[in-house]
C-alpha atoms as a PDB file:
ATOM      1  CA  MET A   1     106.330 -71.206   2.103  1.00  0.00           C
ATOM      2  CA  ASN A   2     102.850 -71.922   0.852  1.00  0.00           C
ATOM      3  CA  PRO A   3     100.534 -69.382   2.575  1.00  0.00           C
ATOM      4  CA  GLU A   4      97.902 -72.101   2.948  1.00  0.00           C
ATOM      5  CA  GLN A   5     100.393 -74.030   5.116  1.00  0.00           C
ATOM      6  CA  THR A   6     101.250 -71.074   7.346  1.00  0.00           C
ATOM      7  CA  ASP A   7      99.911 -71.293  10.885  1.00  0.00           C
ATOM      8  CA  TYR A   8      97.879 -68.112  11.251  1.00  0.00           C
ATOM      9  CA  LYS A   9      96.922 -67.242  14.822  1.00  0.00           C
ATOM     10  CA  LEU A  10      93.720 -65.210  14.688  1.00  0.00           C
ATOM     11  CA  ASP A  11      91.991 -63.737  17.705  1.00  0.00           C
ATOM     12  CA  LYS A  12      88.289 -64.520  17.779  1.00  0.00           C
ATOM     13  CA  LYS A  13      85.949 -62.239  19.715  1.00  0.00           C
ATOM     14  CA  GLU A  14      82.325 -62.594  20.666  1.00  0.00           C
ATOM     15  CA  ILE A  15      79.795 -59.852  20.026  1.00  0.00           C
ATOM     16  CA  ILE A  16      76.664 -59.777  22.161  1.00  0.00           C
ATOM     17  CA  PHE A  17      73.943 -57.778  20.460  1.00  0.00           C
ATOM     18  CA  SER A  18      71.063 -56.033  22.209  1.00  0.00           C
ATOM     19  CA  ASN A  19      68.648 -58.717  20.948  1.00  0.00           C
ATOM     20  CA  GLY A  20      70.653 -61.355  22.822  1.00  0.00           C
ATOM     21  CA  ASN A  21      72.232 -62.874  19.736  1.00  0.00           C
ATOM     22  CA  ARG A  22      75.889 -63.855  20.124  1.00  0.00           C
ATOM     23  CA  ALA A  23      78.163 -63.717  17.084  1.00  0.00           C
ATOM     24  CA  GLN A  24      81.792 -64.682  16.526  1.00  0.00           C
ATOM     25  CA  VAL A  25      84.096 -62.201  14.779  1.00  0.00           C
ATOM     26  CA  VAL A  26      87.648 -62.183  13.455  1.00  0.00           C
ATOM     27  CA  ALA A  27      89.608 -59.335  11.887  1.00  0.00           C
ATOM     28  CA  PRO A  28      92.328 -61.106   9.884  1.00  0.00           C
ATOM     29  CA  PRO A  29      95.412 -59.332   8.523  1.00  0.00           C
ATOM     30  CA  ALA A  30      95.474 -58.836   4.765  1.00  0.00           C
ATOM     31  CA  GLY A  31      96.584 -61.980   2.977  1.00  0.00           C
ATOM     32  CA  THR A  32      95.265 -64.420   5.575  1.00  0.00           C
ATOM     33  CA  PRO A  33      94.105 -67.591   3.763  1.00  0.00           C
ATOM     34  CA  ALA A  34      90.385 -68.249   3.766  1.00  0.00           C
ATOM     35  CA  ALA A  35      90.929 -71.692   5.290  1.00  0.00           C
ATOM     36  CA  SER A  36      92.627 -70.114   8.320  1.00  0.00           C
ATOM     37  CA  ILE A  37      89.772 -67.635   8.754  1.00  0.00           C
ATOM     38  CA  LEU A  38      87.132 -70.356   8.634  1.00  0.00           C
ATOM     39  CA  LYS A  39      89.144 -72.459  11.095  1.00  0.00           C
ATOM     40  CA  ALA A  40      89.430 -69.539  13.520  1.00  0.00           C
ATOM     41  CA  LEU A  41      85.644 -69.069  13.375  1.00  0.00           C
ATOM     42  CA  ASP A  42      85.055 -72.816  13.920  1.00  0.00           C
ATOM     43  CA  ILE A  43      82.945 -72.951  10.772  1.00  0.00           C
ATOM     44  CA  GLU A  44      82.548 -76.518   9.640  1.00  0.00           C
ATOM     45  CA  GLN A  45      82.051 -77.514   6.014  1.00  0.00           C
ATOM     46  CA  PRO A  46      78.371 -76.952   5.181  1.00  0.00           C
ATOM     47  CA  LYS A  47      76.376 -79.101   2.776  1.00  0.00           C
ATOM     48  CA  PRO A  48      75.683 -76.317   0.227  1.00  0.00           C
ATOM     49  CA  LEU A  49      76.426 -72.586   0.146  1.00  0.00           C
ATOM     50  CA  ILE A  50      74.159 -69.625  -0.600  1.00  0.00           C
ATOM     51  CA  MET A  51      75.737 -66.248  -1.364  1.00  0.00           C
ATOM     52  CA  VAL A  52      73.585 -63.109  -1.253  1.00  0.00           C
ATOM     53  CA  VAL A  53      74.739 -59.962  -3.066  1.00  0.00           C
ATOM     54  CA  GLY A  54      73.078 -56.693  -3.971  1.00  0.00           C
ATOM     55  CA  GLY A  55      72.281 -53.193  -2.877  1.00  0.00           C
ATOM     56  CA  ALA A  56      72.398 -52.085   0.700  1.00  0.00           C
ATOM     57  CA  THR A  57      70.872 -48.816  -0.481  1.00  0.00           C
ATOM     58  CA  GLY A  58      68.638 -47.877  -3.362  1.00  0.00           C
ATOM     59  CA  LEU A  59      65.899 -50.389  -2.586  1.00  0.00           C
ATOM     60  CA  ASP A  60      62.339 -49.116  -2.959  1.00  0.00           C
ATOM     61  CA  ARG A  61      60.942 -48.989   0.586  1.00  0.00           C
ATOM     62  CA  ALA A  62      57.571 -50.127  -0.704  1.00  0.00           C
ATOM     63  CA  LEU A  63      59.191 -53.455  -1.641  1.00  0.00           C
ATOM     64  CA  LYS A  64      60.474 -54.189   1.851  1.00  0.00           C
ATOM     65  CA  PRO A  65      57.440 -56.123   3.204  1.00  0.00           C
ATOM     66  CA  ARG A  66      57.491 -58.365   0.139  1.00  0.00           C
ATOM     67  CA  LEU A  67      61.234 -58.864   0.268  1.00  0.00           C
ATOM     68  CA  VAL A  68      61.125 -59.708   3.981  1.00  0.00           C
ATOM     69  CA  GLN A  69      58.735 -62.566   3.130  1.00  0.00           C
ATOM     70  CA  LEU A  70      60.969 -63.746   0.291  1.00  0.00           C
ATOM     71  CA  PHE A  71      64.077 -63.709   2.454  1.00  0.00           C
ATOM     72  CA  SER A  72      62.387 -65.493   5.360  1.00  0.00           C
ATOM     73  CA  ARG A  73      60.168 -68.067   3.639  1.00  0.00           C
ATOM     74  CA  GLY A  74      62.334 -68.254   0.520  1.00  0.00           C
ATOM     75  CA  ILE A  75      66.099 -67.942   0.999  1.00  0.00           C
ATOM     76  CA  ALA A  76      66.306 -68.663   4.734  1.00  0.00           C
ATOM     77  CA  ARG A  77      63.877 -71.562   4.425  1.00  0.00           C
ATOM     78  CA  ALA A  78      65.945 -73.089   1.603  1.00  0.00           C
ATOM     79  CA  ALA A  79      69.069 -72.746   3.735  1.00  0.00           C
ATOM     80  CA  ALA A  80      67.412 -74.362   6.754  1.00  0.00           C
ATOM     81  CA  GLU A  81      66.050 -77.249   4.691  1.00  0.00           C
ATOM     82  CA  THR A  82      69.356 -77.994   2.935  1.00  0.00           C
ATOM     83  CA  GLY A  83      71.814 -77.233   5.742  1.00  0.00           C
ATOM     84  CA  ALA A  84      73.318 -74.373   3.719  1.00  0.00           C
ATOM     85  CA  LEU A  85      75.643 -71.726   5.057  1.00  0.00           C
ATOM     86  CA  ILE A  86      74.701 -68.211   3.926  1.00  0.00           C
ATOM     87  CA  ILE A  87      77.367 -65.602   3.204  1.00  0.00           C
ATOM     88  CA  ASP A  88      76.728 -61.890   2.588  1.00  0.00           C
ATOM     89  CA  GLY A  89      77.930 -58.395   3.440  1.00  0.00           C
ATOM     90  CA  GLY A  90      76.936 -58.562   7.105  1.00  0.00           C
ATOM     91  CA  THR A  91      75.686 -55.028   7.792  1.00  0.00           C
ATOM     92  CA  GLN A  92      72.342 -53.897   9.193  1.00  0.00           C
ATOM     93  CA  ALA A  93      71.254 -52.422   5.879  1.00  0.00           C
ATOM     94  CA  GLY A  94      69.287 -53.458   2.828  1.00  0.00           C
ATOM     95  CA  VAL A  95      69.491 -57.086   1.764  1.00  0.00           C
ATOM     96  CA  MET A  96      71.874 -58.071   4.592  1.00  0.00           C
ATOM     97  CA  ALA A  97      69.475 -56.885   7.288  1.00  0.00           C
ATOM     98  CA  MET A  98      66.617 -58.740   5.595  1.00  0.00           C
ATOM     99  CA  MET A  99      68.754 -61.873   5.347  1.00  0.00           C
ATOM    100  CA  GLY A 100      69.494 -61.641   9.057  1.00  0.00           C
ATOM    101  CA  GLN A 101      65.823 -61.196   9.876  1.00  0.00           C
ATOM    102  CA  GLY A 102      64.944 -64.120   7.626  1.00  0.00           C
ATOM    103  CA  VAL A 103      67.349 -66.443   9.419  1.00  0.00           C
ATOM    104  CA  ALA A 104      66.021 -65.240  12.784  1.00  0.00           C
ATOM    105  CA  ASP A 105      62.450 -65.898  11.607  1.00  0.00           C
ATOM    106  CA  GLN A 106      63.474 -69.477  10.796  1.00  0.00           C
ATOM    107  CA  GLY A 107      64.793 -70.004  14.337  1.00  0.00           C
ATOM    108  CA  ARG A 108      68.474 -69.258  13.577  1.00  0.00           C
ATOM    109  CA  LYS A 109      68.916 -72.724  12.068  1.00  0.00           C
ATOM    110  CA  SER A 110      71.548 -71.571   9.576  1.00  0.00           C
ATOM    111  CA  THR A 111      75.074 -70.233   9.862  1.00  0.00           C
ATOM    112  CA  LEU A 112      75.027 -66.666   8.545  1.00  0.00           C
ATOM    113  CA  LEU A 113      78.479 -65.269   7.783  1.00  0.00           C
ATOM    114  CA  GLY A 114      78.930 -61.568   7.078  1.00  0.00           C
ATOM    115  CA  VAL A 115      82.052 -60.110   5.443  1.00  0.00           C
ATOM    116  CA  ALA A 116      82.505 -56.349   5.799  1.00  0.00           C
ATOM    117  CA  PRO A 117      85.241 -53.678   5.734  1.00  0.00           C
ATOM    118  CA  ALA A 118      86.423 -53.066   9.294  1.00  0.00           C
ATOM    119  CA  GLY A 119      86.702 -49.324   8.768  1.00  0.00           C
ATOM    120  CA  ARG A 120      83.048 -48.976   7.813  1.00  0.00           C
ATOM    121  CA  VAL A 121      81.192 -50.803  10.584  1.00  0.00           C
ATOM    122  CA  THR A 122      80.162 -50.450  14.219  1.00  0.00           C
ATOM    123  CA  TYR A 123      79.260 -53.134  16.766  1.00  0.00           C
ATOM    124  CA  PRO A 124      78.903 -53.671  20.525  1.00  0.00           C
ATOM    125  CA  GLY A 125      82.305 -53.610  22.177  1.00  0.00           C
ATOM    126  CA  GLY A 126      83.891 -52.069  19.081  1.00  0.00           C
ATOM    127  CA  PRO A 127      83.559 -48.781  17.205  1.00  0.00           C
ATOM    128  CA  THR A 128      80.279 -47.074  18.024  1.00  0.00           C
ATOM    129  CA  GLU A 129      77.793 -45.294  15.799  1.00  0.00           C
ATOM    130  CA  GLY A 130      78.809 -41.728  15.129  1.00  0.00           C
ATOM    131  CA  SER A 131      82.451 -42.350  16.053  1.00  0.00           C
ATOM    132  CA  ILE A 132      83.446 -42.159  12.395  1.00  0.00           C
ATOM    133  CA  GLU A 133      81.231 -40.714   9.692  1.00  0.00           C
ATOM    134  CA  GLY A 134      79.933 -43.286   7.255  1.00  0.00           C
ATOM    135  CA  ARG A 135      80.058 -46.307   9.555  1.00  0.00           C
ATOM    136  CA  VAL A 136      77.021 -48.592   9.761  1.00  0.00           C
ATOM    137  CA  PRO A 137      76.122 -51.246  12.364  1.00  0.00           C
ATOM    138  CA  LEU A 138      76.764 -54.928  11.858  1.00  0.00           C
ATOM    139  CA  ASP A 139      73.527 -56.876  11.550  1.00  0.00           C
ATOM    140  CA  PRO A 140      72.461 -58.285  14.951  1.00  0.00           C
ATOM    141  CA  ASN A 141      71.123 -61.559  13.507  1.00  0.00           C
ATOM    142  CA  HIS A 142      74.300 -62.865  11.879  1.00  0.00           C
ATOM    143  CA  SER A 143      76.210 -65.665  13.586  1.00  0.00           C
ATOM    144  CA  HIS A 144      79.734 -64.922  12.299  1.00  0.00           C
ATOM    145  CA  PHE A 145      81.656 -61.966  10.890  1.00  0.00           C
ATOM    146  CA  VAL A 146      84.922 -61.391   9.062  1.00  0.00           C
ATOM    147  CA  LEU A 147      86.092 -57.776   9.261  1.00  0.00           C
ATOM    148  CA  VAL A 148      88.465 -57.044   6.420  1.00  0.00           C
ATOM    149  CA  GLU A 149      91.310 -54.518   6.589  1.00  0.00           C
ATOM    150  CA  SER A 150      89.661 -51.781   4.522  1.00  0.00           C
ATOM    151  CA  ASP A 151      88.026 -48.384   4.907  1.00  0.00           C
ATOM    152  CA  GLU A 152      86.087 -48.624   1.654  1.00  0.00           C
ATOM    153  CA  TRP A 153      82.865 -50.331   0.596  1.00  0.00           C
ATOM    154  CA  GLY A 154      83.929 -52.992  -1.893  1.00  0.00           C
ATOM    155  CA  GLY A 155      87.194 -53.532  -0.041  1.00  0.00           C
ATOM    156  CA  GLU A 156      85.678 -56.737   1.319  1.00  0.00           C
ATOM    157  CA  THR A 157      84.845 -58.245  -2.087  1.00  0.00           C
ATOM    158  CA  GLU A 158      88.082 -60.192  -2.547  1.00  0.00           C
ATOM    159  CA  ALA A 159      87.823 -61.741   0.918  1.00  0.00           C
ATOM    160  CA  LEU A 160      84.136 -62.525   0.393  1.00  0.00           C
ATOM    161  CA  PHE A 161      84.930 -64.464  -2.770  1.00  0.00           C
ATOM    162  CA  ASP A 162      88.001 -66.145  -1.274  1.00  0.00           C
ATOM    163  CA  LEU A 163      85.832 -67.461   1.553  1.00  0.00           C
ATOM    164  CA  ALA A 164      83.087 -68.547  -0.855  1.00  0.00           C
ATOM    165  CA  ARG A 165      85.588 -70.355  -3.070  1.00  0.00           C
ATOM    166  CA  ALA A 166      87.120 -72.107  -0.073  1.00  0.00           C
ATOM    167  CA  LEU A 167      83.698 -73.258   1.130  1.00  0.00           C
ATOM    168  CA  ALA A 168      82.460 -74.228  -2.343  1.00  0.00           C
ATOM    169  CA  LYS A 169      85.376 -76.492  -3.250  1.00  0.00           C
ATOM    170  CA  GLU A 170      83.435 -79.625  -2.359  1.00  0.00           C
ATOM    171  CA  ILE A 171      79.845 -78.371  -2.239  1.00  0.00           C
ATOM    172  CA  PRO A 172      77.253 -76.746  -4.528  1.00  0.00           C
ATOM    173  CA  ILE A 173      76.695 -72.996  -4.463  1.00  0.00           C
ATOM    174  CA  VAL A 174      73.883 -70.709  -5.596  1.00  0.00           C
ATOM    175  CA  THR A 175      74.036 -66.927  -5.422  1.00  0.00           C
ATOM    176  CA  VAL A 176      71.097 -64.547  -5.113  1.00  0.00           C
ATOM    177  CA  LEU A 177      71.185 -61.009  -6.532  1.00  0.00           C
ATOM    178  CA  VAL A 178      68.801 -58.359  -5.223  1.00  0.00           C
ATOM    179  CA  ASN A 179      68.884 -54.827  -6.679  1.00  0.00           C
ATOM    180  CA  GLY A 180      72.563 -53.847  -6.795  1.00  0.00           C
ATOM    181  CA  GLY A 181      74.815 -51.064  -8.032  1.00  0.00           C
ATOM    182  CA  ASP A 182      78.396 -50.853  -9.262  1.00  0.00           C
ATOM    183  CA  ILE A 183      79.868 -53.159  -6.609  1.00  0.00           C
ATOM    184  CA  ALA A 184      77.169 -55.772  -7.226  1.00  0.00           C
ATOM    185  CA  ARG A 185      77.830 -55.521 -10.972  1.00  0.00           C
ATOM    186  CA  LYS A 186      81.477 -56.397 -10.355  1.00  0.00           C
ATOM    187  CA  GLU A 187      80.442 -59.231  -8.038  1.00  0.00           C
ATOM    188  CA  ALA A 188      77.902 -60.631 -10.514  1.00  0.00           C
ATOM    189  CA  LEU A 189      80.544 -60.762 -13.231  1.00  0.00           C
ATOM    190  CA  MET A 190      82.935 -62.537 -10.861  1.00  0.00           C
ATOM    191  CA  ILE A 191      80.179 -65.012  -9.983  1.00  0.00           C
ATOM    192  CA  VAL A 192      79.366 -66.041 -13.552  1.00  0.00           C
ATOM    193  CA  ARG A 193      83.043 -66.230 -14.484  1.00  0.00           C
ATOM    194  CA  GLN A 194      83.485 -68.543 -11.521  1.00  0.00           C
ATOM    195  CA  GLY A 195      80.813 -70.774 -13.051  1.00  0.00           C
ATOM    196  CA  TRP A 196      78.319 -70.245 -10.228  1.00  0.00           C
ATOM    197  CA  ARG A 197      74.603 -69.756 -10.802  1.00  0.00           C
ATOM    198  CA  ILE A 198      72.769 -66.532  -9.952  1.00  0.00           C
ATOM    199  CA  VAL A 199      69.118 -66.276  -9.028  1.00  0.00           C
ATOM    200  CA  VAL A 200      68.255 -62.703 -10.044  1.00  0.00           C
ATOM    201  CA  MET A 201      65.333 -61.148  -8.174  1.00  0.00           C
ATOM    202  CA  LYS A 202      63.415 -59.416 -10.941  1.00  0.00           C
ATOM    203  CA  GLY A 203      61.452 -56.392  -9.750  1.00  0.00           C
ATOM    204  CA  THR A 204      63.971 -55.207  -7.138  1.00  0.00           C
ATOM    205  CA  GLY A 205      65.467 -52.478  -9.330  1.00  0.00           C
ATOM    206  CA  ARG A 206      68.820 -51.374 -10.674  1.00  0.00           C
ATOM    207  CA  LEU A 207      71.218 -54.185 -11.673  1.00  0.00           C
ATOM    208  CA  ALA A 208      68.725 -57.007 -11.073  1.00  0.00           C
ATOM    209  CA  ASP A 209      66.197 -55.411 -13.404  1.00  0.00           C
ATOM    210  CA  ASP A 210      68.893 -54.509 -15.940  1.00  0.00           C
ATOM    211  CA  ILE A 211      69.823 -58.193 -16.146  1.00  0.00           C
ATOM    212  CA  ALA A 212      66.158 -59.208 -16.412  1.00  0.00           C
ATOM    213  CA  THR A 213      65.650 -56.730 -19.265  1.00  0.00           C
ATOM    214  CA  ALA A 214      68.760 -57.970 -21.055  1.00  0.00           C
ATOM    215  CA  MET A 215      67.556 -61.572 -20.759  1.00  0.00           C
ATOM    216  CA  GLU A 216      63.943 -60.994 -21.747  1.00  0.00           C
ATOM    217  CA  GLU A 217      64.393 -58.364 -24.446  1.00  0.00           C
ATOM    218  CA  ASP A 218      67.807 -57.746 -25.943  1.00  0.00           C
ATOM    219  CA  PRO A 219      71.118 -58.815 -24.354  1.00  0.00           C
ATOM    220  CA  THR A 220      72.752 -55.666 -25.728  1.00  0.00           C
ATOM    221  CA  SER A 221      70.000 -53.288 -24.598  1.00  0.00           C
ATOM    222  CA  VAL A 222      71.422 -52.577 -21.147  1.00  0.00           C
ATOM    223  CA  ALA A 223      75.019 -51.431 -20.826  1.00  0.00           C
ATOM    224  CA  GLY A 224      77.034 -53.638 -18.483  1.00  0.00           C
ATOM    225  CA  ALA A 225      74.490 -56.458 -18.336  1.00  0.00           C
ATOM    226  CA  ALA A 226      75.294 -58.202 -21.611  1.00  0.00           C
ATOM    227  CA  THR A 227      78.601 -59.616 -20.367  1.00  0.00           C
ATOM    228  CA  ILE A 228      76.910 -61.096 -17.321  1.00  0.00           C
ATOM    229  CA  VAL A 229      73.986 -62.548 -19.272  1.00  0.00           C
ATOM    230  CA  ARG A 230      76.013 -64.245 -21.980  1.00  0.00           C
ATOM    231  CA  HIS A 231      77.552 -66.666 -19.474  1.00  0.00           C
ATOM    232  CA  ASN A 232      74.148 -68.395 -19.293  1.00  0.00           C
ATOM    233  CA  ARG A 233      74.296 -68.884 -15.518  1.00  0.00           C
ATOM    234  CA  ILE A 234      71.199 -66.886 -14.581  1.00  0.00           C
ATOM    235  CA  ASP A 235      67.733 -67.821 -13.348  1.00  0.00           C
ATOM    236  CA  LEU A 236      65.135 -65.050 -13.032  1.00  0.00           C
ATOM    237  CA  PHE A 237      62.717 -64.979 -10.119  1.00  0.00           C
ATOM    238  CA  ASP A 238      59.883 -62.451 -10.182  1.00  0.00           C
ATOM    239  CA  ILE A 239      59.319 -61.048  -6.702  1.00  0.00           C
ATOM    240  CA  LYS A 240      55.569 -61.252  -7.314  1.00  0.00           C
ATOM    241  CA  ASP A 241      55.869 -65.042  -7.112  1.00  0.00           C
ATOM    242  CA  ARG A 242      55.353 -66.978  -3.867  1.00  0.00           C
ATOM    243  CA  PRO A 243      58.223 -67.205  -1.349  1.00  0.00           C
ATOM    244  CA  GLU A 244      57.837 -70.990  -1.358  1.00  0.00           C
ATOM    245  CA  ALA A 245      58.569 -70.963  -5.087  1.00  0.00           C
ATOM    246  CA  LEU A 246      61.846 -69.143  -4.388  1.00  0.00           C
ATOM    247  CA  ALA A 247      62.816 -71.752  -1.791  1.00  0.00           C
ATOM    248  CA  THR A 248      62.035 -74.519  -4.289  1.00  0.00           C
ATOM    249  CA  LEU A 249      64.082 -72.821  -7.027  1.00  0.00           C
ATOM    250  CA  ILE A 250      67.122 -72.376  -4.779  1.00  0.00           C
ATOM    251  CA  CYS A 251      66.958 -75.968  -3.531  1.00  0.00           C
ATOM    252  CA  ARG A 252      66.650 -77.282  -7.079  1.00  0.00           C
ATOM    253  CA  LYS A 253      69.557 -75.206  -8.377  1.00  0.00           C
ATOM    254  CA  LEU A 254      71.760 -76.242  -5.463  1.00  0.00           C
ATOM    255  CA  PHE A 255      71.495 -79.914  -6.276  1.00  0.00           C
ATOM    256  CA  GLU A 256      71.027 -80.102 -10.038  1.00  0.00           C
ATOM    257  CA  LYS A 257      73.978 -81.303 -12.082  1.00  0.00           C
ATOM    258  CA  PRO A 258      75.995 -78.401 -13.485  1.00  0.00           C
ATOM    259  CA  THR A 259      75.971 -77.826 -17.229  1.00  0.00           C
ATOM    260  CA  ALA A 260      78.771 -76.570 -19.400  1.00  0.00           C
END
């Protein structure tokens, strides 16, 4: 039987966070088709899709005020203006927490879907902080969550991309890379091989700056970045630029005709 035709019965729960936000969550068994997960969450087909990837740790704290502006008046604003769904890692850390705050700042106009390993997160009504070492809270400003059967960071990557591919079948997609380590490097390579565009936030450190260096100086100068760069799917955005310019860039890339 085709797994896409199997009738998967998934239990959906509601999380009520301390800030009053209510989010829907499912914890699908391994192998559950993305279409069944989206159906269980009652997520309708958005107009475009924005995927955010990058480091949950390793960000320079001094950059946070600037990045909060860029996420709110840049990424979240672009999503609100275009009707985009945003998909990310869903935890209250790093870029995911800033994405949640950005959507909240814009009046929660956008669906914000977080995909995380079930064995690494805590949330109201579920595992609590301190119950298992290494768990982190889910972000309280997301609207939906998919908790993947995994105890490892990176165990959610396959499901994240399955969901993005399912959503992006009929709609445009732009991804945004902020900072990033080994997991983000793997994700960035998957993104360009998929043929999706990446807006790389230059000035955020680690992988993002490695890619910027490879593009602006020598594609072979930074180990691991050359393969990503040569796919020619990257747009650099300097975080010193205005948040409104980031929103404009994302909107333009979402709706421009793809090139070979």
